[in-house]
Amino acid sequence: QRNLLTEKVKVSKQYHWNNSVIVSLILILSCSSDIVLKPLPSLLGDYVGHYSVIDKSTNQPKADLNISWIFTEKQYRLDAPPNTICSPRGEYILSGSNVTLNQSSSGQATTCDPDLNPIGVFSLRQPGDSVILTQEENNIFKEIRLKKK
């Protein structure tokens, strides 16, 4: 009877050890295939850059400006030379590879052309510490090239 009890204990320990090894292997193997997501892009910061607007029907530039740009958590502000575009500001929405600029105000009271302001959905690229926004609508191509200060 003692031998039978000893055998039961051996089998029980071996069974427990085998289960522990199996559970450990499952955890290790399942973690190795986890998908690690990249952090969402951030636009926060002060930038300097260039803003151009081209009429594609005539291939003529409508704006070609050196600008400064600030992105906060949800707001943006563009500062341009006087009497060009209206130095818009407002909220932006970052969604994957797009940025939507919702203008809430134009920062100038001087003569400017609000049709040249960057408003709406822009494609986003972020090579290095740069931000490139592009939009093409109704034969008008707008490009914003920014570099962090």
C-alpha atoms as a PDB file:
ATOM      1  CA  GLN A   1       0.000   0.000   0.000  1.00  0.00           C
ATOM      2  CA  ARG A   2       2.928   2.293   0.691  1.00  0.00           C
ATOM      3  CA  ASN A   3       4.262   1.735  -2.831  1.00  0.00           C
ATOM      4  CA  LEU A   4       0.898   2.619  -4.299  1.00  0.00           C
ATOM      5  CA  LEU A   5       0.766   5.866  -2.292  1.00  0.00           C
ATOM      6  CA  THR A   6       4.344   6.738  -3.306  1.00  0.00           C
ATOM      7  CA  GLU A   7       3.483   6.120  -6.967  1.00  0.00           C
ATOM      8  CA  LYS A   8       0.395   8.384  -6.703  1.00  0.00           C
ATOM      9  CA  VAL A   9       2.527  11.181  -5.234  1.00  0.00           C
ATOM     10  CA  LYS A  10       5.132  10.773  -8.007  1.00  0.00           C
ATOM     11  CA  VAL A  11       2.468  10.844 -10.708  1.00  0.00           C
ATOM     12  CA  SER A  12       0.807  13.865  -9.098  1.00  0.00           C
ATOM     13  CA  LYS A  13       4.121  15.787  -8.930  1.00  0.00           C
ATOM     14  CA  GLN A  14       5.005  14.849 -12.488  1.00  0.00           C
ATOM     15  CA  TYR A  15       1.532  15.886 -13.686  1.00  0.00           C
ATOM     16  CA  HIS A  16       1.842  19.224 -11.872  1.00  0.00           C
ATOM     17  CA  TRP A  17       5.330  19.826 -13.302  1.00  0.00           C
ATOM     18  CA  ASN A  18       4.174  18.965 -16.844  1.00  0.00           C
ATOM     19  CA  ASN A  19       1.219  21.349 -16.532  1.00  0.00           C
ATOM     20  CA  SER A  20       3.509  24.131 -15.306  1.00  0.00           C
ATOM     21  CA  VAL A  21       5.833  23.642 -18.265  1.00  0.00           C
ATOM     22  CA  ILE A  22       2.932  23.637 -20.709  1.00  0.00           C
ATOM     23  CA  VAL A  23       1.376  26.789 -19.225  1.00  0.00           C
ATOM     24  CA  SER A  24       4.766  28.545 -19.270  1.00  0.00           C
ATOM     25  CA  LEU A  25       5.357  27.606 -22.909  1.00  0.00           C
ATOM     26  CA  ILE A  26       1.907  28.830 -23.896  1.00  0.00           C
ATOM     27  CA  LEU A  27       2.520  32.189 -22.217  1.00  0.00           C
ATOM     28  CA  ILE A  28       5.932  32.616 -23.819  1.00  0.00           C
ATOM     29  CA  LEU A  29       4.724  31.669 -27.281  1.00  0.00           C
ATOM     30  CA  SER A  30       1.580  33.778 -27.111  1.00  0.00           C
ATOM     31  CA  CYS A  31       3.513  36.866 -26.017  1.00  0.00           C
ATOM     32  CA  SER A  32       6.021  36.535 -28.831  1.00  0.00           C
ATOM     33  CA  SER A  33       3.320  37.162 -31.420  1.00  0.00           C
ATOM     34  CA  ASP A  34       1.822  40.227 -29.737  1.00  0.00           C
ATOM     35  CA  ILE A  35       1.315  43.152 -32.059  1.00  0.00           C
ATOM     36  CA  VAL A  36       3.054  46.255 -30.805  1.00  0.00           C
ATOM     37  CA  LEU A  37       1.273  49.358 -32.034  1.00  0.00           C
ATOM     38  CA  LYS A  38       3.206  52.493 -32.848  1.00  0.00           C
ATOM     39  CA  PRO A  39       2.188  55.529 -30.805  1.00  0.00           C
ATOM     40  CA  LEU A  40      -0.183  57.889 -32.557  1.00  0.00           C
ATOM     41  CA  PRO A  41       1.574  60.744 -34.319  1.00  0.00           C
ATOM     42  CA  SER A  42       1.725  64.013 -32.467  1.00  0.00           C
ATOM     43  CA  LEU A  43       1.790  67.456 -34.013  1.00  0.00           C
ATOM     44  CA  LEU A  44       2.484  69.386 -30.795  1.00  0.00           C
ATOM     45  CA  GLY A  45       5.079  72.094 -31.180  1.00  0.00           C
ATOM     46  CA  ASP A  46       6.257  75.335 -32.765  1.00  0.00           C
ATOM     47  CA  TYR A  47       7.196  75.180 -36.423  1.00  0.00           C
ATOM     48  CA  VAL A  48       8.542  77.349 -39.213  1.00  0.00           C
ATOM     49  CA  GLY A  49       8.001  76.566 -42.834  1.00  0.00           C
ATOM     50  CA  HIS A  50       6.474  77.282 -46.168  1.00  0.00           C
ATOM     51  CA  TYR A  51       2.886  77.493 -47.434  1.00  0.00           C
ATOM     52  CA  SER A  52       2.080  77.353 -51.126  1.00  0.00           C
ATOM     53  CA  VAL A  53      -1.178  77.432 -53.048  1.00  0.00           C
ATOM     54  CA  ILE A  54      -1.169  76.597 -56.758  1.00  0.00           C
ATOM     55  CA  ASP A  55      -4.030  76.923 -59.219  1.00  0.00           C
ATOM     56  CA  LYS A  56      -3.701  73.633 -61.137  1.00  0.00           C
ATOM     57  CA  SER A  57      -5.817  74.885 -64.068  1.00  0.00           C
ATOM     58  CA  THR A  58      -3.268  77.632 -64.845  1.00  0.00           C
ATOM     59  CA  ASN A  59      -0.291  76.149 -62.973  1.00  0.00           C
ATOM     60  CA  GLN A  60       0.157  79.572 -61.359  1.00  0.00           C
ATOM     61  CA  PRO A  61       1.006  80.155 -57.697  1.00  0.00           C
ATOM     62  CA  LYS A  62      -1.648  81.996 -55.699  1.00  0.00           C
ATOM     63  CA  ALA A  63       0.406  82.038 -52.488  1.00  0.00           C
ATOM     64  CA  ASP A  64       4.048  81.318 -51.753  1.00  0.00           C
ATOM     65  CA  LEU A  65       4.775  82.270 -48.147  1.00  0.00           C
ATOM     66  CA  ASN A  66       7.195  81.719 -45.296  1.00  0.00           C
ATOM     67  CA  ILE A  67       5.083  81.013 -42.222  1.00  0.00           C
ATOM     68  CA  SER A  68       5.211  80.051 -38.579  1.00  0.00           C
ATOM     69  CA  TRP A  69       2.775  77.526 -37.149  1.00  0.00           C
ATOM     70  CA  ILE A  70       1.870  76.334 -33.653  1.00  0.00           C
ATOM     71  CA  PHE A  71       0.049  73.099 -32.785  1.00  0.00           C
ATOM     72  CA  THR A  72      -1.227  72.717 -29.213  1.00  0.00           C
ATOM     73  CA  GLU A  73      -3.300  69.756 -27.924  1.00  0.00           C
ATOM     74  CA  LYS A  74      -6.325  70.591 -30.098  1.00  0.00           C
ATOM     75  CA  GLN A  75      -5.650  74.057 -31.530  1.00  0.00           C
ATOM     76  CA  TYR A  76      -3.508  75.427 -34.351  1.00  0.00           C
ATOM     77  CA  ARG A  77      -2.356  78.909 -35.297  1.00  0.00           C
ATOM     78  CA  LEU A  78      -0.746  79.992 -38.541  1.00  0.00           C
ATOM     79  CA  ASP A  79       1.106  83.294 -38.723  1.00  0.00           C
ATOM     80  CA  ALA A  80       1.844  84.695 -42.189  1.00  0.00           C
ATOM     81  CA  PRO A  81       3.060  88.022 -43.568  1.00  0.00           C
ATOM     82  CA  PRO A  82       0.416  90.802 -43.493  1.00  0.00           C
ATOM     83  CA  ASN A  83      -1.916  91.293 -46.470  1.00  0.00           C
ATOM     84  CA  THR A  84      -1.524  87.737 -47.783  1.00  0.00           C
ATOM     85  CA  ILE A  85      -3.615  84.992 -46.217  1.00  0.00           C
ATOM     86  CA  CYS A  86      -5.708  85.702 -43.153  1.00  0.00           C
ATOM     87  CA  SER A  87      -3.466  83.963 -40.557  1.00  0.00           C
ATOM     88  CA  PRO A  88      -6.095  81.406 -39.576  1.00  0.00           C
ATOM     89  CA  ARG A  89      -6.435  79.649 -36.265  1.00  0.00           C
ATOM     90  CA  GLY A  90      -8.819  77.068 -34.917  1.00  0.00           C
ATOM     91  CA  GLU A  91      -9.155  73.425 -33.988  1.00  0.00           C
ATOM     92  CA  TYR A  92      -7.570  70.474 -35.727  1.00  0.00           C
ATOM     93  CA  ILE A  93      -8.402  66.777 -35.706  1.00  0.00           C
ATOM     94  CA  LEU A  94      -5.649  64.223 -36.242  1.00  0.00           C
ATOM     95  CA  SER A  95      -7.009  60.998 -37.727  1.00  0.00           C
ATOM     96  CA  GLY A  96      -4.473  58.484 -39.010  1.00  0.00           C
ATOM     97  CA  SER A  97      -2.775  59.990 -42.034  1.00  0.00           C
ATOM     98  CA  ASN A  98      -5.142  62.970 -42.239  1.00  0.00           C
ATOM     99  CA  VAL A  99      -5.466  66.276 -40.432  1.00  0.00           C
ATOM    100  CA  THR A 100      -8.680  68.282 -40.543  1.00  0.00           C
ATOM    101  CA  LEU A 101      -8.249  72.030 -40.001  1.00  0.00           C
ATOM    102  CA  ASN A 102     -11.405  73.734 -38.740  1.00  0.00           C
ATOM    103  CA  GLN A 103     -10.861  77.471 -38.829  1.00  0.00           C
ATOM    104  CA  SER A 104     -12.548  79.421 -36.049  1.00  0.00           C
ATOM    105  CA  SER A 105     -10.939  82.799 -36.675  1.00  0.00           C
ATOM    106  CA  SER A 106      -8.702  84.656 -39.031  1.00  0.00           C
ATOM    107  CA  GLY A 107      -6.138  86.512 -37.025  1.00  0.00           C
ATOM    108  CA  GLN A 108      -5.904  89.616 -39.202  1.00  0.00           C
ATOM    109  CA  ALA A 109      -8.121  92.593 -39.703  1.00  0.00           C
ATOM    110  CA  THR A 110      -6.083  93.698 -42.726  1.00  0.00           C
ATOM    111  CA  THR A 111      -6.775  92.902 -46.358  1.00  0.00           C
ATOM    112  CA  CYS A 112      -6.404  89.197 -47.017  1.00  0.00           C
ATOM    113  CA  ASP A 113      -7.867  86.424 -49.154  1.00  0.00           C
ATOM    114  CA  PRO A 114      -9.713  83.886 -46.966  1.00  0.00           C
ATOM    115  CA  ASP A 115     -10.007  81.455 -49.916  1.00  0.00           C
ATOM    116  CA  LEU A 116      -6.265  80.877 -49.630  1.00  0.00           C
ATOM    117  CA  ASN A 117      -6.482  79.793 -45.980  1.00  0.00           C
ATOM    118  CA  PRO A 118      -5.760  76.138 -45.254  1.00  0.00           C
ATOM    119  CA  ILE A 119      -9.146  74.702 -44.272  1.00  0.00           C
ATOM    120  CA  GLY A 120     -10.502  71.154 -44.507  1.00  0.00           C
ATOM    121  CA  VAL A 121      -8.896  67.719 -44.758  1.00  0.00           C
ATOM    122  CA  PHE A 122      -5.169  67.490 -45.519  1.00  0.00           C
ATOM    123  CA  SER A 123      -3.007  64.415 -46.057  1.00  0.00           C
ATOM    124  CA  LEU A 124      -0.287  64.131 -43.415  1.00  0.00           C
ATOM    125  CA  ARG A 125       3.312  62.956 -43.701  1.00  0.00           C
ATOM    126  CA  GLN A 126       5.840  63.248 -40.864  1.00  0.00           C
ATOM    127  CA  PRO A 127       9.372  62.574 -42.093  1.00  0.00           C
ATOM    128  CA  GLY A 128      11.723  63.093 -39.136  1.00  0.00           C
ATOM    129  CA  ASP A 129      10.875  66.286 -37.237  1.00  0.00           C
ATOM    130  CA  SER A 130       8.928  67.711 -40.191  1.00  0.00           C
ATOM    131  CA  VAL A 131       5.232  67.923 -40.979  1.00  0.00           C
ATOM    132  CA  ILE A 132       3.944  67.987 -44.550  1.00  0.00           C
ATOM    133  CA  LEU A 133       0.256  68.658 -45.177  1.00  0.00           C
ATOM    134  CA  THR A 134      -1.225  68.532 -48.692  1.00  0.00           C
ATOM    135  CA  GLN A 135      -4.693  69.083 -50.105  1.00  0.00           C
ATOM    136  CA  GLU A 136      -6.107  69.187 -53.605  1.00  0.00           C
ATOM    137  CA  GLU A 137      -9.666  70.434 -54.164  1.00  0.00           C
ATOM    138  CA  ASN A 138     -11.331  72.090 -57.152  1.00  0.00           C
ATOM    139  CA  ASN A 139      -8.044  72.420 -59.066  1.00  0.00           C
ATOM    140  CA  ILE A 140      -6.370  74.157 -56.110  1.00  0.00           C
ATOM    141  CA  PHE A 141      -3.330  72.460 -54.579  1.00  0.00           C
ATOM    142  CA  LYS A 142      -2.256  73.539 -51.068  1.00  0.00           C
ATOM    143  CA  GLU A 143       0.953  72.404 -49.407  1.00  0.00           C
ATOM    144  CA  ILE A 144       2.262  73.211 -45.945  1.00  0.00           C
ATOM    145  CA  ARG A 145       5.870  72.183 -45.171  1.00  0.00           C
ATOM    146  CA  LEU A 146       6.869  72.659 -41.538  1.00  0.00           C
ATOM    147  CA  LYS A 147       9.989  71.973 -39.505  1.00  0.00           C
ATOM    148  CA  LYS A 148      10.143  72.127 -35.692  1.00  0.00           C
ATOM    149  CA  LYS A 149      11.916  75.185 -34.303  1.00  0.00           C
END
